[in-house]
Amino acid sequence: MNNITDFSIYLQQRAKATQTRQTAILANLEADASEREAAVYEEALRDYEEKNAGRF
């Protein structure tokens, strides 16, 4: 009985650790996507400003 309880606790801890890792990975992916999106907007703004530099 003790081995079963210990194994159950072990599995619960592994599941929690896996969930924590997945949450961290997702947060990193979202941050990377936000950085890439910001870079695209910055480049578009620079292009717009260059094309319209003499118009204002």
PDB file of N, CA and C in Angstrom:
ATOM      1  N   MET A   1       0.825  -1.199   0.000  1.00  0.00           N
ATOM      2  CA  MET A   1       0.000   0.000   0.000  1.00  0.00           C
ATOM      3  C   MET A   1       0.862   1.253   0.000  1.00  0.00           C
ATOM      4  N   ASN A   2       1.923   1.243   0.761  1.00  0.00           N
ATOM      5  CA  ASN A   2       2.807   2.404   0.837  1.00  0.00           C
ATOM      6  C   ASN A   2       3.455   2.690  -0.512  1.00  0.00           C
ATOM      7  N   ASN A   3       3.851   1.642  -1.229  1.00  0.00           N
ATOM      8  CA  ASN A   3       4.461   1.840  -2.543  1.00  0.00           C
ATOM      9  C   ASN A   3       3.476   2.462  -3.530  1.00  0.00           C
ATOM     10  N   ILE A   4       2.221   2.044  -3.444  1.00  0.00           N
ATOM     11  CA  ILE A   4       1.201   2.595  -4.335  1.00  0.00           C
ATOM     12  C   ILE A   4       0.981   4.072  -4.024  1.00  0.00           C
ATOM     13  N   THR A   5       0.915   4.400  -2.748  1.00  0.00           N
ATOM     14  CA  THR A   5       0.743   5.799  -2.343  1.00  0.00           C
ATOM     15  C   THR A   5       1.926   6.635  -2.791  1.00  0.00           C
ATOM     16  N   ASP A   6       3.124   6.118  -2.564  1.00  0.00           N
ATOM     17  CA  ASP A   6       4.332   6.838  -2.981  1.00  0.00           C
ATOM     18  C   ASP A   6       4.340   7.061  -4.490  1.00  0.00           C
ATOM     19  N   PHE A   7       3.960   6.024  -5.244  1.00  0.00           N
ATOM     20  CA  PHE A   7       3.949   6.137  -6.696  1.00  0.00           C
ATOM     21  C   PHE A   7       2.895   7.145  -7.155  1.00  0.00           C
ATOM     22  N   SER A   8       1.752   7.141  -6.492  1.00  0.00           N
ATOM     23  CA  SER A   8       0.698   8.102  -6.821  1.00  0.00           C
ATOM     24  C   SER A   8       1.174   9.530  -6.579  1.00  0.00           C
ATOM     25  N   ILE A   9       1.838   9.751  -5.462  1.00  0.00           N
ATOM     26  CA  ILE A   9       2.388  11.077  -5.161  1.00  0.00           C
ATOM     27  C   ILE A   9       3.432  11.457  -6.199  1.00  0.00           C
ATOM     28  N   TYR A  10       4.279  10.506  -6.555  1.00  0.00           N
ATOM     29  CA  TYR A  10       5.307  10.744  -7.577  1.00  0.00           C
ATOM     30  C   TYR A  10       4.661  11.168  -8.900  1.00  0.00           C
ATOM     31  N   LEU A  11       3.619  10.455  -9.309  1.00  0.00           N
ATOM     32  CA  LEU A  11       2.948  10.787 -10.569  1.00  0.00           C
ATOM     33  C   LEU A  11       2.302  12.169 -10.510  1.00  0.00           C
ATOM     34  N   GLN A  12       1.723  12.515  -9.370  1.00  0.00           N
ATOM     35  CA  GLN A  12       1.126  13.841  -9.217  1.00  0.00           C
ATOM     36  C   GLN A  12       2.188  14.930  -9.316  1.00  0.00           C
ATOM     37  N   GLN A  13       3.339  14.689  -8.699  1.00  0.00           N
ATOM     38  CA  GLN A  13       4.428  15.670  -8.755  1.00  0.00           C
ATOM     39  C   GLN A  13       4.959  15.813 -10.173  1.00  0.00           C
ATOM     40  N   ARG A  14       5.086  14.695 -10.874  1.00  0.00           N
ATOM     41  CA  ARG A  14       5.546  14.743 -12.273  1.00  0.00           C
ATOM     42  C   ARG A  14       4.564  15.505 -13.141  1.00  0.00           C
ATOM     43  N   ALA A  15       3.274  15.267 -12.935  1.00  0.00           N
ATOM     44  CA  ALA A  15       2.253  15.964 -13.719  1.00  0.00           C
ATOM     45  C   ALA A  15       2.319  17.465 -13.453  1.00  0.00           C
ATOM     46  N   LYS A  16       2.492  17.847 -12.202  1.00  0.00           N
ATOM     47  CA  LYS A  16       2.581  19.269 -11.858  1.00  0.00           C
ATOM     48  C   LYS A  16       3.835  19.885 -12.478  1.00  0.00           C
ATOM     49  N   ALA A  17       4.954  19.178 -12.420  1.00  0.00           N
ATOM     50  CA  ALA A  17       6.197  19.683 -13.012  1.00  0.00           C
ATOM     51  C   ALA A  17       6.048  19.837 -14.521  1.00  0.00           C
ATOM     52  N   THR A  18       5.406  18.879 -15.156  1.00  0.00           N
ATOM     53  CA  THR A  18       5.177  18.956 -16.601  1.00  0.00           C
ATOM     54  C   THR A  18       4.293  20.153 -16.934  1.00  0.00           C
ATOM     55  N   GLN A  19       3.250  20.354 -16.145  1.00  0.00           N
ATOM     56  CA  GLN A  19       2.355  21.493 -16.368  1.00  0.00           C
ATOM     57  C   GLN A  19       3.108  22.807 -16.198  1.00  0.00           C
ATOM     58  N   THR A  20       3.968  22.879 -15.199  1.00  0.00           N
ATOM     59  CA  THR A  20       4.757  24.090 -14.960  1.00  0.00           C
ATOM     60  C   THR A  20       5.694  24.356 -16.134  1.00  0.00           C
ATOM     61  N   ARG A  21       6.353  23.307 -16.626  1.00  0.00           N
ATOM     62  CA  ARG A  21       7.245  23.463 -17.788  1.00  0.00           C
ATOM     63  C   ARG A  21       6.468  23.913 -19.015  1.00  0.00           C
ATOM     64  N   GLN A  22       5.306  23.317 -19.234  1.00  0.00           N
ATOM     65  CA  GLN A  22       4.495  23.695 -20.389  1.00  0.00           C
ATOM     66  C   GLN A  22       4.040  25.148 -20.297  1.00  0.00           C
ATOM     67  N   THR A  23       3.696  25.583 -19.104  1.00  0.00           N
ATOM     68  CA  THR A  23       3.294  26.976 -18.904  1.00  0.00           C
ATOM     69  C   THR A  23       4.453  27.912 -19.214  1.00  0.00           C
ATOM     70  N   ALA A  24       5.651  27.547 -18.766  1.00  0.00           N
ATOM     71  CA  ALA A  24       6.833  28.374 -19.031  1.00  0.00           C
ATOM     72  C   ALA A  24       7.152  28.407 -20.519  1.00  0.00           C
ATOM     73  N   ILE A  25       7.055  27.276 -21.178  1.00  0.00           N
ATOM     74  CA  ILE A  25       7.319  27.209 -22.620  1.00  0.00           C
ATOM     75  C   ILE A  25       6.317  28.079 -23.373  1.00  0.00           C
ATOM     76  N   LEU A  26       5.047  27.987 -23.001  1.00  0.00           N
ATOM     77  CA  LEU A  26       4.021  28.795 -23.654  1.00  0.00           C
ATOM     78  C   LEU A  26       4.281  30.284 -23.449  1.00  0.00           C
ATOM     79  N   ALA A  27       4.661  30.656 -22.237  1.00  0.00           N
ATOM     80  CA  ALA A  27       4.957  32.069 -21.961  1.00  0.00           C
ATOM     81  C   ALA A  27       6.121  32.552 -22.818  1.00  0.00           C
ATOM     82  N   ASN A  28       7.144  31.714 -22.970  1.00  0.00           N
ATOM     83  CA  ASN A  28       8.294  32.086 -23.806  1.00  0.00           C
ATOM     84  C   ASN A  28       7.895  32.215 -25.271  1.00  0.00           C
ATOM     85  N   LEU A  29       7.068  31.302 -25.746  1.00  0.00           N
ATOM     86  CA  LEU A  29       6.607  31.381 -27.137  1.00  0.00           C
ATOM     87  C   LEU A  29       5.786  32.643 -27.371  1.00  0.00           C
ATOM     88  N   GLU A  30       4.926  32.976 -26.415  1.00  0.00           N
ATOM     89  CA  GLU A  30       4.123  34.191 -26.554  1.00  0.00           C
ATOM     90  C   GLU A  30       4.997  35.441 -26.537  1.00  0.00           C
ATOM     91  N   ALA A  31       6.019  35.444 -25.685  1.00  0.00           N
ATOM     92  CA  ALA A  31       6.933  36.593 -25.632  1.00  0.00           C
ATOM     93  C   ALA A  31       7.699  36.721 -26.946  1.00  0.00           C
ATOM     94  N   ASP A  32       8.165  35.587 -27.482  1.00  0.00           N
ATOM     95  CA  ASP A  32       8.873  35.614 -28.764  1.00  0.00           C
ATOM     96  C   ASP A  32       7.972  36.148 -29.872  1.00  0.00           C
ATOM     97  N   ALA A  33       6.723  35.693 -29.887  1.00  0.00           N
ATOM     98  CA  ALA A  33       5.783  36.150 -30.913  1.00  0.00           C
ATOM     99  C   ALA A  33       5.534  37.648 -30.775  1.00  0.00           C
ATOM    100  N   SER A  34       5.418  38.127 -29.550  1.00  0.00           N
ATOM    101  CA  SER A  34       5.202  39.560 -29.332  1.00  0.00           C
ATOM    102  C   SER A  34       6.396  40.368 -29.813  1.00  0.00           C
ATOM    103  N   GLU A  35       7.601  39.867 -29.553  1.00  0.00           N
ATOM    104  CA  GLU A  35       8.809  40.566 -30.012  1.00  0.00           C
ATOM    105  C   GLU A  35       8.862  40.607 -31.531  1.00  0.00           C
ATOM    106  N   ARG A  36       8.533  39.489 -32.174  1.00  0.00           N
ATOM    107  CA  ARG A  36       8.540  39.456 -33.645  1.00  0.00           C
ATOM    108  C   ARG A  36       7.480  40.399 -34.206  1.00  0.00           C
ATOM    109  N   GLU A  37       6.309  40.409 -33.585  1.00  0.00           N
ATOM    110  CA  GLU A  37       5.241  41.297 -34.043  1.00  0.00           C
ATOM    111  C   GLU A  37       5.652  42.756 -33.883  1.00  0.00           C
ATOM    112  N   ALA A  38       6.277  43.084 -32.769  1.00  0.00           N
ATOM    113  CA  ALA A  38       6.739  44.457 -32.545  1.00  0.00           C
ATOM    114  C   ALA A  38       7.782  44.840 -33.586  1.00  0.00           C
ATOM    115  N   ALA A  39       8.672  43.916 -33.916  1.00  0.00           N
ATOM    116  CA  ALA A  39       9.703  44.197 -34.915  1.00  0.00           C
ATOM    117  C   ALA A  39       9.071  44.467 -36.278  1.00  0.00           C
ATOM    118  N   VAL A  40       8.036  43.712 -36.619  1.00  0.00           N
ATOM    119  CA  VAL A  40       7.346  43.922 -37.898  1.00  0.00           C
ATOM    120  C   VAL A  40       6.702  45.301 -37.930  1.00  0.00           C
ATOM    121  N   TYR A  41       6.035  45.679 -36.835  1.00  0.00           N
ATOM    122  CA  TYR A  41       5.407  47.006 -36.782  1.00  0.00           C
ATOM    123  C   TYR A  41       6.448  48.118 -36.841  1.00  0.00           C
ATOM    124  N   GLU A  42       7.564  47.937 -36.150  1.00  0.00           N
ATOM    125  CA  GLU A  42       8.623  48.953 -36.181  1.00  0.00           C
ATOM    126  C   GLU A  42       9.182  49.108 -37.587  1.00  0.00           C
ATOM    127  N   GLU A  43       9.386  47.993 -38.270  1.00  0.00           N
ATOM    128  CA  GLU A  43       9.899  48.057 -39.639  1.00  0.00           C
ATOM    129  C   GLU A  43       8.890  48.741 -40.560  1.00  0.00           C
ATOM    130  N   ALA A  44       7.623  48.418 -40.400  1.00  0.00           N
ATOM    131  CA  ALA A  44       6.588  49.050 -41.222  1.00  0.00           C
ATOM    132  C   ALA A  44       6.528  50.552 -40.955  1.00  0.00           C
ATOM    133  N   LEU A  45       6.668  50.941 -39.700  1.00  0.00           N
ATOM    134  CA  LEU A  45       6.657  52.361 -39.362  1.00  0.00           C
ATOM    135  C   LEU A  45       7.861  53.073 -39.974  1.00  0.00           C
ATOM    136  N   ARG A  46       9.040  52.460 -39.897  1.00  0.00           N
ATOM    137  CA  ARG A  46      10.241  53.052 -40.513  1.00  0.00           C
ATOM    138  C   ARG A  46      10.052  53.205 -42.015  1.00  0.00           C
ATOM    139  N   ASP A  47       9.530  52.165 -42.653  1.00  0.00           N
ATOM    140  CA  ASP A  47       9.283  52.238 -44.096  1.00  0.00           C
ATOM    141  C   ASP A  47       8.310  53.366 -44.426  1.00  0.00           C
ATOM    142  N   TYR A  48       7.252  53.471 -43.656  1.00  0.00           N
ATOM    143  CA  TYR A  48       6.261  54.526 -43.874  1.00  0.00           C
ATOM    144  C   TYR A  48       6.893  55.903 -43.709  1.00  0.00           C
ATOM    145  N   GLU A  49       7.684  56.058 -42.639  1.00  0.00           N
ATOM    146  CA  GLU A  49       8.326  57.352 -42.386  1.00  0.00           C
ATOM    147  C   GLU A  49       9.320  57.705 -43.489  1.00  0.00           C
ATOM    148  N   GLU A  50      10.059  56.708 -43.988  1.00  0.00           N
ATOM    149  CA  GLU A  50      11.010  56.963 -45.075  1.00  0.00           C
ATOM    150  C   GLU A  50      10.282  57.378 -46.347  1.00  0.00           C
ATOM    151  N   LYS A  51       9.195  56.710 -46.661  1.00  0.00           N
ATOM    152  CA  LYS A  51       8.449  57.010 -47.879  1.00  0.00           C
ATOM    153  C   LYS A  51       7.762  58.366 -47.811  1.00  0.00           C
ATOM    154  N   ASN A  52       7.427  58.793 -46.608  1.00  0.00           N
ATOM    155  CA  ASN A  52       6.670  60.033 -46.440  1.00  0.00           C
ATOM    156  C   ASN A  52       7.491  61.134 -45.779  1.00  0.00           C
ATOM    157  N   ALA A  53       8.806  61.018 -45.815  1.00  0.00           N
ATOM    158  CA  ALA A  53       9.676  61.958 -45.099  1.00  0.00           C
ATOM    159  C   ALA A  53       9.484  63.393 -45.570  1.00  0.00           C
ATOM    160  N   GLY A  54       9.304  63.626 -46.843  1.00  0.00           N
ATOM    161  CA  GLY A  54       9.203  64.984 -47.352  1.00  0.00           C
ATOM    162  C   GLY A  54       7.790  65.529 -47.409  1.00  0.00           C
ATOM    163  N   ARG A  55       6.816  64.763 -47.005  1.00  0.00           N
ATOM    164  CA  ARG A  55       5.419  65.165 -47.164  1.00  0.00           C
ATOM    165  C   ARG A  55       4.880  65.967 -45.994  1.00  0.00           C
ATOM    166  N   PHE A  56       5.582  66.006 -44.888  1.00  0.00           N
ATOM    167  CA  PHE A  56       5.024  66.669 -43.698  1.00  0.00           C
ATOM    168  C   PHE A  56       5.676  67.997 -43.445  1.00  0.00           C
TER     169      PHE A  56
END
